[in-house]
Amino acid sequence: MEVRELLTVAVMAALPTYGLISGAAFAPLCFGLVGLLAIYDGITRRTLPVIDYPLAGLAAIFVLFAWAGLIWAAAPSVTLKIALQVSGVVTGALLVLSVSPGAVSNPVRRVALIGLAIGPAVMVADVMLGFPLMAVVHNTNSHDSIDSHYNRGLCYLVLMFWPVALWTWTQRFRFVLVGPVVCLAAAVMVGSSKSAELAFGIGGAAFVAAWLAPRWSAAVLAVGMTGFALGLPWIGRQLLPMLKPLAVQIKPSAVHRLEIWDYMSTEILKHPWLGLGFGGSKHVWLSTETLARYTYVTGESIHPHNQWLQLWLDGGVAGELIGLCFFLFVLRRVFELSVPVRPFAFAALVSALVFSMVGIELYTDSWWAALALTAGLFAATQPKSATQPAAAP
């Protein structure tokens, strides 16, 4: 086993285990791995990373727009910090996607499959026993803090599950999938992350839909997301009165998010074209009268808990259109994959959309690392025999 394979095996073993315990670890693990691989390939093979130029072009537009926001930013120091962060995260994500498919060998995939069973199984045991493992790892007895670590890691494992499941399925070892599926489903059920529950369940439904009716699935998602993204400033203001009775039955944080979306949707209409500059959504000022309308909103600095709403607030309609173009670009790429791959990639895309709408902040480095890793694994695990081209949706 050569050096690059050893490094990849080590990281793929750590992601579904240590990465589950600390979701933030996805960023240093993924970005650190591809950085080392790029250096190793440069020295031993004298090769440079392979750049996906269309994707890199979209990424460059996003980064340049982040920097341009300094001109009109409501909080210039915050926008500068976010622009630097976005530049680094986007570069790291592109580097993850540039890793050669040969790096994802059979031992790497097997380690990932085993990790997807062991990591969630350990989480279930830890939750049932009252979090003794997390208390030691993070040196805290606060269940809220412990839950937040497990929640993010579990979300990333839901994304990682789909390309690993693809490899197992196409290699005709389908019965082996039972272990990871059962363990991950159990972790989702015993954990406190409703986002993971939604994404895993809706992702499964998307898998079936893409398997049975791929063209219709792509068309419905494209039209639906376009309407949702562009209409969000108005849709967001209707969600609180419509969904509050249901949210009360789920948990307080669900009501809290509806309240956040309500006042932030109103704020969009004050800065509709270019927004407040990246990071500006955390600095929305609320009057005493506005605060009196809500139960959980306190006026403290907080992100919108919806990336599409955050794009509107921080970048206006221009930022939202960049995000929408990126989504449609990825959707097209999904249906350019070989036939057996499409349902798995479609399920991962829909799962990622769920996470983007209900929790994770847009600029989180570990989020982009998880997205890039998922996309990279799909690119590297297409079965060689399945080469039928896909029609563009």
Protein backbone atom coordinates (compact mmCIF):
# COMPACT_ATOMS: atom_id res chain seq x y z
CA MET A 1 0.00 0.00 0.00
CA GLU A 2 1.59 3.26 -1.13
CA VAL A 3 1.83 6.46 0.90
CA ARG A 4 -1.14 8.28 -0.68
CA GLU A 5 -3.39 5.26 -0.12
CA LEU A 6 -2.27 4.95 3.51
CA LEU A 7 -3.06 8.62 4.11
CA THR A 8 -6.47 8.29 2.49
CA VAL A 9 -7.32 5.12 4.46
CA ALA A 10 -6.39 6.87 7.72
CA VAL A 11 -8.61 9.87 6.99
CA MET A 12 -11.54 7.79 5.73
CA ALA A 13 -11.36 5.76 8.94
CA ALA A 14 -11.37 8.95 11.03
CA LEU A 15 -14.23 10.77 9.26
CA PRO A 16 -17.15 8.50 10.30
CA THR A 17 -15.74 7.99 13.80
CA TYR A 18 -13.87 11.02 15.12
CA GLY A 19 -15.66 13.21 12.57
CA LEU A 20 -18.97 12.10 14.07
CA ILE A 21 -17.84 13.02 17.58
CA SER A 22 -16.60 16.40 16.34
CA GLY A 23 -18.25 17.54 13.12
CA ALA A 24 -15.85 20.47 12.85
CA ALA A 25 -13.02 17.94 12.30
CA PHE A 26 -14.26 17.29 8.75
CA ALA A 27 -12.53 20.46 7.56
CA PRO A 28 -8.97 19.80 8.81
CA LEU A 29 -9.23 16.11 7.95
CA CYS A 30 -10.44 16.61 4.37
CA PHE A 31 -8.46 19.75 3.53
CA GLY A 32 -5.35 18.45 5.27
CA LEU A 33 -5.52 15.17 3.36
CA VAL A 34 -5.83 16.74 -0.09
CA GLY A 35 -3.10 19.24 0.74
CA LEU A 36 -0.73 16.39 1.62
CA LEU A 37 -1.77 14.42 -1.48
CA ALA A 38 -1.20 17.44 -3.71
CA ILE A 39 2.30 17.92 -2.27
CA TYR A 40 3.05 14.19 -2.52
CA ASP A 41 1.89 14.02 -6.16
CA GLY A 42 3.85 17.15 -6.99
CA ILE A 43 7.07 15.68 -5.58
CA THR A 44 6.76 12.03 -6.64
CA ARG A 45 4.71 12.25 -9.84
CA ARG A 46 5.37 15.86 -10.83
CA THR A 47 1.66 16.39 -11.43
CA LEU A 48 -0.61 19.27 -10.52
CA PRO A 49 -4.24 19.05 -9.29
CA VAL A 50 -6.77 18.65 -12.10
CA ILE A 51 -8.97 21.76 -12.18
CA ASP A 52 -12.68 21.55 -13.00
CA TYR A 53 -12.79 24.84 -14.91
CA PRO A 54 -16.59 25.37 -15.13
CA LEU A 55 -16.95 24.73 -11.40
CA ALA A 56 -13.86 26.82 -10.64
CA GLY A 57 -15.37 29.66 -12.67
CA LEU A 58 -18.56 29.62 -10.59
CA ALA A 59 -16.48 29.45 -7.42
CA ALA A 60 -14.39 32.42 -8.54
CA ILE A 61 -17.54 34.49 -9.12
CA PHE A 62 -18.74 33.63 -5.61
CA VAL A 63 -15.39 34.57 -4.05
CA LEU A 64 -15.11 37.82 -6.02
CA PHE A 65 -18.66 38.74 -5.01
CA ALA A 66 -17.74 38.14 -1.36
CA TRP A 67 -14.83 40.57 -1.69
CA ALA A 68 -16.88 43.11 -3.65
CA GLY A 69 -19.32 43.19 -0.73
CA LEU A 70 -16.77 45.23 1.22
CA ILE A 71 -17.90 48.21 -0.86
CA TRP A 72 -21.46 48.22 0.54
CA ALA A 73 -21.04 46.09 3.68
CA ALA A 74 -23.05 46.94 6.78
CA ALA A 75 -20.21 45.51 8.92
CA PRO A 76 -16.98 45.82 6.86
CA SER A 77 -14.72 44.08 9.40
CA VAL A 78 -17.06 41.08 9.50
CA THR A 79 -17.35 40.97 5.70
CA LEU A 80 -13.55 41.06 5.38
CA LYS A 81 -13.24 38.10 7.76
CA ILE A 82 -15.91 36.15 5.87
CA ALA A 83 -14.34 36.97 2.48
CA LEU A 84 -11.02 35.56 3.70
CA GLN A 85 -12.77 32.49 5.08
CA VAL A 86 -14.76 31.92 1.87
CA SER A 87 -11.59 32.22 -0.22
CA GLY A 88 -9.85 29.54 1.83
CA VAL A 89 -12.85 27.21 2.04
CA VAL A 90 -13.59 27.37 -1.69
CA THR A 91 -9.94 26.72 -2.52
CA GLY A 92 -9.93 23.71 -0.19
CA ALA A 93 -13.17 22.35 -1.65
CA LEU A 94 -11.84 22.62 -5.20
CA LEU A 95 -8.66 20.87 -4.12
CA VAL A 96 -10.72 18.01 -2.63
CA LEU A 97 -12.45 17.59 -5.99
CA SER A 98 -9.12 17.61 -7.83
CA VAL A 99 -7.84 14.45 -6.13
CA SER A 100 -7.39 11.61 -8.62
CA PRO A 101 -10.16 8.96 -8.59
CA GLY A 102 -7.36 6.40 -8.29
CA ALA A 103 -6.85 7.60 -4.71
CA VAL A 104 -10.19 6.02 -3.73
CA SER A 105 -9.14 2.38 -3.92
CA ASN A 106 -11.02 -0.66 -2.67
CA PRO A 107 -9.31 -0.60 0.77
CA VAL A 108 -10.33 3.05 1.16
CA ARG A 109 -13.93 2.28 0.34
CA ARG A 110 -14.04 -0.73 2.65
CA VAL A 111 -12.67 1.30 5.53
CA ALA A 112 -15.31 3.97 4.91
CA LEU A 113 -18.07 1.34 4.84
CA ILE A 114 -16.92 -0.20 8.12
CA GLY A 115 -16.58 3.25 9.68
CA LEU A 116 -20.16 4.10 8.69
CA ALA A 117 -21.30 1.17 10.81
CA ILE A 118 -18.91 1.57 13.75
CA GLY A 119 -19.22 5.35 14.19
CA PRO A 120 -23.04 5.49 14.45
CA ALA A 121 -23.09 2.31 16.59
CA VAL A 122 -20.71 3.94 19.09
CA MET A 123 -22.87 7.08 19.07
CA VAL A 124 -26.01 5.06 19.84
CA ALA A 125 -24.27 3.33 22.75
CA ASP A 126 -22.94 6.68 24.06
CA VAL A 127 -26.38 8.31 23.90
CA MET A 128 -28.07 5.35 25.63
CA LEU A 129 -25.46 5.42 28.43
CA GLY A 130 -25.75 9.17 29.02
CA PHE A 131 -22.84 10.52 26.90
CA PRO A 132 -19.83 9.19 28.86
CA LEU A 133 -17.63 9.17 25.73
CA MET A 134 -18.49 12.72 24.66
CA ALA A 135 -18.04 13.99 28.23
CA VAL A 136 -14.45 12.72 28.16
CA VAL A 137 -13.63 13.84 24.61
CA HIS A 138 -15.00 17.37 25.01
CA ASN A 139 -14.48 17.70 28.78
CA THR A 140 -18.05 18.83 29.41
CA ASN A 141 -21.23 17.47 30.95
CA SER A 142 -23.46 19.91 29.07
CA HIS A 143 -25.89 17.87 27.00
CA ASP A 144 -26.58 20.88 24.76
CA SER A 145 -22.90 21.17 23.86
CA ILE A 146 -22.60 17.40 23.36
CA ASP A 147 -25.69 17.31 21.14
CA SER A 148 -24.32 20.07 18.91
CA HIS A 149 -21.14 18.06 18.29
CA TYR A 150 -23.03 14.89 17.45
CA ASN A 151 -25.62 16.74 15.38
CA ARG A 152 -23.19 18.24 12.90
CA GLY A 153 -21.14 15.07 12.55
CA LEU A 154 -24.30 13.04 11.99
CA CYS A 155 -25.43 15.42 9.23
CA TYR A 156 -22.14 14.95 7.42
CA LEU A 157 -22.35 11.16 7.74
CA VAL A 158 -25.77 11.25 6.07
CA LEU A 159 -24.11 12.90 3.05
CA MET A 160 -21.13 10.54 3.10
CA PHE A 161 -23.43 7.51 3.26
CA TRP A 162 -24.72 7.87 -0.30
CA PRO A 163 -21.44 7.50 -2.28
CA VAL A 164 -20.27 4.70 0.02
CA ALA A 165 -23.63 2.95 -0.48
CA LEU A 166 -23.19 3.37 -4.24
CA TRP A 167 -19.88 1.54 -4.24
CA THR A 168 -21.27 -1.32 -2.17
CA TRP A 169 -24.36 -1.60 -4.37
CA THR A 170 -22.51 -1.65 -7.69
CA GLN A 171 -19.97 -4.19 -6.42
CA ARG A 172 -22.86 -6.59 -5.72
CA PHE A 173 -22.15 -6.72 -2.00
CA ARG A 174 -25.58 -5.29 -1.31
CA PHE A 175 -26.23 -7.36 1.82
CA VAL A 176 -23.23 -5.63 3.46
CA LEU A 177 -25.19 -2.35 3.34
CA VAL A 178 -27.55 -3.63 6.03
CA GLY A 179 -25.04 -2.88 8.79
CA PRO A 180 -24.35 0.79 7.94
CA VAL A 181 -28.01 1.46 7.11
CA VAL A 182 -29.26 0.02 10.41
CA CYS A 183 -26.55 1.75 12.48
CA LEU A 184 -26.97 5.12 10.77
CA ALA A 185 -30.77 4.95 11.01
CA ALA A 186 -30.49 4.10 14.73
CA ALA A 187 -28.12 7.02 15.31
CA VAL A 188 -30.48 9.37 13.49
CA MET A 189 -33.41 8.20 15.61
CA VAL A 190 -31.69 8.37 19.02
CA GLY A 191 -29.92 11.65 18.25
CA SER A 192 -31.52 15.05 18.71
CA SER A 193 -30.91 16.30 15.16
CA LYS A 194 -34.22 16.71 13.36
CA SER A 195 -32.19 17.96 10.37
CA ALA A 196 -30.50 14.56 10.06
CA GLU A 197 -33.86 12.79 10.35
CA LEU A 198 -35.36 14.93 7.61
CA ALA A 199 -32.35 14.65 5.32
CA PHE A 200 -32.02 10.88 5.70
CA GLY A 201 -35.75 10.31 5.16
CA ILE A 202 -36.22 12.78 2.31
CA GLY A 203 -32.96 11.61 0.74
CA GLY A 204 -34.30 8.04 0.73
CA ALA A 205 -37.50 9.22 -0.96
CA ALA A 206 -35.43 11.14 -3.52
CA PHE A 207 -33.42 7.99 -4.24
CA VAL A 208 -36.62 6.08 -5.07
CA ALA A 209 -37.96 8.95 -7.18
CA ALA A 210 -34.74 9.25 -9.19
CA TRP A 211 -34.66 5.49 -9.69
CA LEU A 212 -38.25 5.34 -10.99
CA ALA A 213 -38.57 8.67 -12.81
CA PRO A 214 -35.20 10.42 -13.22
CA ARG A 215 -36.30 13.09 -15.71
CA TRP A 216 -39.38 14.06 -13.73
CA SER A 217 -37.40 14.12 -10.51
CA ALA A 218 -34.80 16.46 -11.99
CA ALA A 219 -37.42 18.74 -13.54
CA VAL A 220 -39.53 18.99 -10.37
CA LEU A 221 -36.48 19.74 -8.21
CA ALA A 222 -35.12 22.35 -10.64
CA VAL A 223 -38.42 24.21 -10.95
CA GLY A 224 -39.27 23.86 -7.27
CA MET A 225 -35.90 25.13 -6.03
CA THR A 226 -35.90 28.03 -8.48
CA GLY A 227 -39.32 29.15 -7.27
CA PHE A 228 -38.40 28.63 -3.63
CA ALA A 229 -35.09 30.49 -3.83
CA LEU A 230 -36.43 33.51 -5.72
CA GLY A 231 -39.65 33.69 -3.71
CA LEU A 232 -38.05 33.18 -0.29
CA PRO A 233 -38.42 36.81 0.91
CA TRP A 234 -42.20 36.37 0.63
CA ILE A 235 -42.41 32.67 1.46
CA GLY A 236 -40.37 33.15 4.64
CA ARG A 237 -42.93 35.61 6.03
CA GLN A 238 -45.74 33.05 5.67
CA LEU A 239 -44.00 30.15 7.41
CA LEU A 240 -44.37 31.29 11.03
CA PRO A 241 -48.19 31.58 11.06
CA MET A 242 -48.55 28.44 8.92
CA LEU A 243 -46.12 26.10 10.68
CA LYS A 244 -45.92 27.34 14.27
CA PRO A 245 -48.63 24.93 15.58
CA LEU A 246 -46.67 22.02 14.09
CA ALA A 247 -43.27 23.34 15.22
CA VAL A 248 -44.48 23.62 18.83
CA GLN A 249 -45.07 19.86 18.78
CA ILE A 250 -41.49 19.17 17.56
CA LYS A 251 -39.18 21.17 19.82
CA PRO A 252 -38.54 24.83 20.84
CA SER A 253 -35.69 25.26 18.36
CA ALA A 254 -38.13 24.63 15.50
CA VAL A 255 -40.24 27.60 16.62
CA HIS A 256 -37.07 29.64 17.11
CA ARG A 257 -36.03 29.06 13.50
CA LEU A 258 -39.45 30.02 12.18
CA GLU A 259 -39.19 33.27 14.14
CA ILE A 260 -35.69 33.93 12.76
CA TRP A 261 -36.88 33.34 9.21
CA ASP A 262 -39.85 35.65 9.78
CA TYR A 263 -37.93 38.78 10.75
CA MET A 264 -35.01 38.10 8.41
CA SER A 265 -37.37 37.68 5.45
CA THR A 266 -38.71 41.14 6.22
CA GLU A 267 -35.16 42.52 6.39
CA ILE A 268 -34.38 41.24 2.88
CA LEU A 269 -36.85 43.67 1.35
CA LYS A 270 -34.86 46.59 2.81
CA HIS A 271 -31.70 45.57 0.91
CA PRO A 272 -32.98 43.53 -2.04
CA TRP A 273 -30.26 43.98 -4.68
CA LEU A 274 -26.84 43.49 -3.06
CA GLY A 275 -27.72 42.69 0.54
CA LEU A 276 -25.74 43.66 3.63
CA GLY A 277 -22.39 42.16 2.61
CA PHE A 278 -21.24 38.70 3.65
CA GLY A 279 -21.77 38.22 7.37
CA GLY A 280 -24.20 41.12 7.56
CA SER A 281 -27.15 38.86 8.35
CA LYS A 282 -25.76 38.42 11.88
CA HIS A 283 -26.04 42.15 12.49
CA VAL A 284 -29.72 42.75 11.80
CA TRP A 285 -31.09 45.22 14.34
CA LEU A 286 -34.50 44.50 15.89
CA SER A 287 -36.71 47.10 17.50
CA THR A 288 -38.44 46.50 20.83
CA GLU A 289 -41.79 46.26 19.03
CA THR A 290 -40.45 43.56 16.69
CA LEU A 291 -38.93 41.54 19.54
CA ALA A 292 -42.25 41.61 21.38
CA ARG A 293 -43.79 39.51 18.58
CA TYR A 294 -41.54 36.53 19.25
CA THR A 295 -41.07 33.94 21.97
CA TYR A 296 -37.47 32.82 21.44
CA VAL A 297 -35.80 35.56 19.40
CA THR A 298 -33.80 37.81 21.72
CA GLY A 299 -32.06 40.12 19.25
CA GLU A 300 -28.64 38.53 19.77
CA SER A 301 -26.29 38.05 16.83
CA ILE A 302 -27.32 34.85 15.05
CA HIS A 303 -27.14 33.44 11.53
CA PRO A 304 -30.39 32.78 9.61
CA HIS A 305 -30.28 28.96 9.91
CA ASN A 306 -31.16 28.81 6.22
CA GLN A 307 -28.42 29.23 3.63
CA TRP A 308 -30.77 30.48 0.92
CA LEU A 309 -32.11 33.14 3.26
CA GLN A 310 -28.52 33.98 4.21
CA LEU A 311 -27.61 34.43 0.53
CA TRP A 312 -30.51 36.86 0.16
CA LEU A 313 -29.57 38.86 3.26
CA ASP A 314 -25.82 38.95 2.64
CA GLY A 315 -25.82 39.16 -1.16
CA GLY A 316 -29.27 40.29 -2.24
CA VAL A 317 -30.79 38.96 -5.44
CA ALA A 318 -27.29 38.86 -6.97
CA GLY A 319 -26.05 36.47 -4.28
CA GLU A 320 -29.18 34.34 -4.54
CA LEU A 321 -28.76 34.00 -8.30
CA ILE A 322 -25.14 32.86 -7.84
CA GLY A 323 -26.31 30.21 -5.37
CA LEU A 324 -29.13 29.12 -7.67
CA CYS A 325 -26.75 28.82 -10.63
CA PHE A 326 -24.47 26.65 -8.52
CA PHE A 327 -27.36 24.38 -7.55
CA LEU A 328 -28.57 23.99 -11.17
CA PHE A 329 -24.99 23.33 -12.27
CA VAL A 330 -24.65 20.53 -9.71
CA LEU A 331 -28.07 19.10 -10.64
CA ARG A 332 -27.01 18.92 -14.28
CA ARG A 333 -23.76 17.23 -13.29
CA VAL A 334 -25.72 14.64 -11.31
CA PHE A 335 -27.64 13.63 -14.41
CA GLU A 336 -24.48 13.50 -16.48
CA LEU A 337 -23.27 10.64 -14.27
CA SER A 338 -23.66 7.02 -15.36
CA VAL A 339 -27.10 5.47 -14.93
CA PRO A 340 -26.45 3.41 -11.75
CA VAL A 341 -24.90 6.43 -10.03
CA ARG A 342 -27.70 8.96 -10.58
CA PRO A 343 -30.19 7.89 -7.85
CA PHE A 344 -27.45 7.88 -5.20
CA ALA A 345 -26.08 11.27 -6.27
CA PHE A 346 -29.60 12.71 -6.49
CA ALA A 347 -30.36 11.49 -2.96
CA ALA A 348 -27.15 13.11 -1.69
CA LEU A 349 -28.02 16.39 -3.43
CA VAL A 350 -31.51 16.45 -1.92
CA SER A 351 -30.10 15.61 1.52
CA ALA A 352 -27.66 18.51 1.17
CA LEU A 353 -30.54 20.81 0.20
CA VAL A 354 -32.40 19.83 3.37
CA PHE A 355 -29.37 20.68 5.50
CA SER A 356 -28.94 23.98 3.66
CA MET A 357 -32.50 24.97 4.55
CA VAL A 358 -32.73 24.08 8.22
CA GLY A 359 -29.52 24.72 10.06
CA ILE A 360 -25.90 24.82 8.94
CA GLU A 361 -24.42 28.27 8.36
CA LEU A 362 -23.40 29.00 4.78
CA TYR A 363 -19.75 29.80 5.54
CA THR A 364 -19.00 26.78 7.75
CA ASP A 365 -15.73 25.23 6.58
CA SER A 366 -16.62 21.68 7.66
CA TRP A 367 -19.88 21.93 5.65
CA TRP A 368 -18.01 22.68 2.44
CA ALA A 369 -15.48 19.95 3.23
CA ALA A 370 -18.32 17.42 3.61
CA LEU A 371 -19.94 18.57 0.35
CA ALA A 372 -16.67 18.37 -1.57
CA LEU A 373 -15.84 14.96 -0.09
CA THR A 374 -19.26 13.61 -1.09
CA ALA A 375 -18.93 14.93 -4.65
CA GLY A 376 -15.37 13.62 -4.91
CA LEU A 377 -16.38 10.14 -3.77
CA PHE A 378 -19.12 10.04 -6.39
CA ALA A 379 -16.65 11.04 -9.09
CA ALA A 380 -14.28 8.32 -7.92
CA THR A 381 -16.77 5.48 -7.43
CA GLN A 382 -18.55 5.37 -10.77
CA PRO A 383 -18.48 1.76 -11.97
CA LYS A 384 -16.22 1.45 -15.00
CA SER A 385 -18.72 -0.69 -16.86
CA ALA A 386 -21.54 1.81 -16.51
CA THR A 387 -20.81 4.51 -19.01
CA GLN A 388 -24.19 5.29 -20.49
CA PRO A 389 -24.50 9.07 -20.81
CA ALA A 390 -27.30 10.91 -19.15
CA ALA A 391 -29.63 13.27 -20.87
CA ALA A 392 -29.61 16.77 -19.48
CA PRO A 393 -32.74 17.46 -17.48
